[in-house]
Amino acid sequence: MPRRTRTGGRNPRHRPQRTKDVLHGNGGHRANDFRCVGCRLDVSLVAPGTAHRNHCPNCLVSLHVDRRAPGDRAADCHGRMEALSLTVRPDGEWMLIHQCRTCAGLSANRIAGDDNALALMRLALRPLRDGRAAGRALLTVL
């Protein structure tokens, strides 16, 4: 059955399409965020406590994109980097140690203020889960 149209061909209740706030094109819609390769969370690049967000605050997974300096985006690997461990600077700042699953490279990254505290504590306590390693550490201290 054909559509009924009024004279003039337009429905008086027709509204014009609203403009879209998403900019399509070559990465235009992801200019201020990225999607985590681990948990698929949309992550904002603005992070408290750091100038270059390079890992997901939820699962702490990163991509191997920086070669030497944070934010240089000069790495050729682009592999997935898993949070391996934590270390602490002399000034008390916590650093994440990431290892690339593609090239096995290591990198140290500052934690951000909105990182998942439970995931950070799991990383910090990971050495204590292995009873043999903890026992050896205690024996060397005593």
Protein backbone atom coordinates (compact mmCIF):
# COMPACT_ATOMS: atom_id res chain seq x y z
CA MET A 1 0.00 0.00 0.00
CA PRO A 2 1.50 3.37 -0.96
CA ARG A 3 2.10 6.07 1.63
CA ARG A 4 -0.33 8.85 1.87
CA THR A 5 1.28 12.22 1.54
CA ARG A 6 -0.29 15.58 1.91
CA THR A 7 -0.10 18.18 -0.73
CA GLY A 8 3.43 19.44 -1.01
CA GLY A 9 4.89 16.03 -0.24
CA ARG A 10 5.85 16.75 3.42
CA ASN A 11 4.27 15.56 6.58
CA PRO A 12 3.55 18.57 8.82
CA ARG A 13 4.63 16.55 11.87
CA HIS A 14 8.03 15.79 10.32
CA ARG A 15 10.92 17.20 12.30
CA PRO A 16 14.31 17.88 10.79
CA GLN A 17 17.06 15.49 11.81
CA ARG A 18 19.12 16.69 14.75
CA THR A 19 22.82 17.27 14.22
CA LYS A 20 25.09 14.55 15.57
CA ASP A 21 27.65 15.40 18.18
CA VAL A 22 29.89 12.51 17.07
CA LEU A 23 32.51 13.45 14.50
CA HIS A 24 32.99 10.60 12.07
CA GLY A 25 36.10 10.25 10.00
CA ASN A 26 39.68 9.25 10.59
CA GLY A 27 39.58 8.78 14.37
CA GLY A 28 37.63 11.99 14.93
CA HIS A 29 35.16 10.32 17.26
CA ARG A 30 38.02 9.05 19.46
CA ALA A 31 39.96 12.29 19.74
CA ASN A 32 39.70 12.49 23.55
CA ASP A 33 39.40 8.83 24.52
CA PHE A 34 40.36 5.29 23.58
CA ARG A 35 38.84 1.84 23.96
CA CYS A 36 40.69 -0.57 26.24
CA VAL A 37 41.91 -3.74 24.52
CA GLY A 38 41.44 -5.70 27.75
CA CYS A 39 37.97 -4.84 29.08
CA ARG A 40 36.62 -2.72 26.15
CA LEU A 41 35.95 0.27 28.42
CA ASP A 42 35.93 3.72 26.80
CA VAL A 43 38.72 5.55 28.63
CA SER A 44 39.22 9.31 28.68
CA LEU A 45 42.72 10.60 27.94
CA VAL A 46 42.35 13.14 30.74
CA ALA A 47 43.72 11.52 33.88
CA PRO A 48 44.35 12.97 37.32
CA GLY A 49 47.99 12.77 38.33
CA THR A 50 49.53 12.19 34.91
CA ALA A 51 49.91 14.09 31.65
CA HIS A 52 49.82 11.04 29.33
CA ARG A 53 47.16 8.42 30.00
CA ASN A 54 48.57 5.15 28.71
CA HIS A 55 46.62 2.42 30.49
CA CYS A 56 43.06 1.52 31.36
CA PRO A 57 42.07 2.60 34.88
CA ASN A 58 39.82 -0.44 35.24
CA CYS A 59 42.03 -3.41 34.25
CA LEU A 60 45.43 -1.62 33.97
CA VAL A 61 46.06 -2.99 30.44
CA SER A 62 48.02 -0.80 28.02
CA LEU A 63 49.17 -0.78 24.39
CA HIS A 64 52.83 -0.67 23.41
CA VAL A 65 52.80 2.71 21.67
CA ASP A 66 55.57 4.73 23.36
CA ARG A 67 59.21 3.99 22.63
CA ARG A 68 61.41 6.17 24.85
CA ALA A 69 59.49 9.13 26.23
CA PRO A 70 55.89 9.08 27.52
CA GLY A 71 53.57 10.38 24.83
CA ASP A 72 56.00 9.99 21.90
CA ARG A 73 53.83 7.25 20.30
CA ALA A 74 56.88 6.03 18.35
CA ALA A 75 56.83 2.27 19.07
CA ASP A 76 56.41 -0.07 16.12
CA CYS A 77 55.10 -3.04 18.13
CA HIS A 78 51.57 -1.88 19.17
CA GLY A 79 51.18 -5.09 21.20
CA ARG A 80 49.07 -5.56 24.29
CA MET A 81 50.88 -4.74 27.54
CA GLU A 82 49.81 -6.50 30.74
CA ALA A 83 50.44 -5.05 34.18
CA LEU A 84 53.16 -7.26 35.59
CA SER A 85 54.06 -5.64 38.89
CA LEU A 86 54.31 -2.44 40.92
CA THR A 87 57.34 -0.53 42.06
CA VAL A 88 57.69 2.52 44.27
CA ARG A 89 59.90 5.54 43.57
CA PRO A 90 62.02 7.00 46.37
CA ASP A 91 59.52 9.84 46.68
CA GLY A 92 56.70 7.32 47.35
CA GLU A 93 55.02 7.42 43.93
CA TRP A 94 53.73 4.08 42.64
CA MET A 95 54.71 2.92 39.15
CA LEU A 96 53.14 0.16 37.08
CA ILE A 97 55.50 -2.26 35.35
CA HIS A 98 53.99 -3.38 32.03
CA GLN A 99 55.29 -6.18 29.83
CA CYS A 100 54.45 -6.37 26.14
CA ARG A 101 52.96 -9.72 25.12
CA THR A 102 54.32 -9.31 21.58
CA CYS A 103 57.93 -8.21 22.00
CA ALA A 104 58.38 -8.87 25.78
CA GLY A 105 59.51 -5.26 26.33
CA LEU A 106 59.15 -3.73 29.78
CA SER A 107 58.04 -0.21 30.66
CA ALA A 108 57.31 1.70 33.85
CA ASN A 109 54.25 3.96 33.93
CA ARG A 110 52.92 6.28 36.62
CA ILE A 111 49.62 5.30 38.15
CA ALA A 112 46.74 7.74 37.72
CA GLY A 113 44.44 9.01 40.43
CA ASP A 114 41.43 7.16 39.03
CA ASP A 115 43.07 3.72 38.69
CA ASN A 116 41.20 0.77 40.17
CA ALA A 117 42.47 0.49 43.76
CA LEU A 118 41.52 -3.19 43.98
CA ALA A 119 43.52 -4.04 40.84
CA LEU A 120 46.49 -2.09 42.18
CA MET A 121 46.36 -3.93 45.52
CA ARG A 122 46.12 -7.29 43.74
CA LEU A 123 49.30 -6.41 41.86
CA ALA A 124 51.03 -5.27 45.03
CA LEU A 125 50.12 -8.48 46.85
CA ARG A 126 50.91 -10.81 43.94
CA PRO A 127 54.38 -11.77 45.27
CA LEU A 128 52.81 -12.85 48.58
CA ARG A 129 50.48 -15.33 46.86
CA ASP A 130 53.43 -17.56 46.01
CA GLY A 131 54.20 -19.12 49.39
CA ARG A 132 57.68 -20.24 48.39
CA ALA A 133 58.75 -16.76 47.30
CA ALA A 134 57.30 -15.19 50.46
CA GLY A 135 59.01 -17.80 52.65
CA ARG A 136 62.37 -17.18 50.98
CA ALA A 137 61.94 -13.43 51.43
CA LEU A 138 61.16 -13.85 55.14
CA LEU A 139 64.13 -16.19 55.65
CA THR A 140 66.53 -13.73 54.05
CA VAL A 141 65.28 -10.92 56.31
CA LEU A 142 65.61 -12.98 59.47
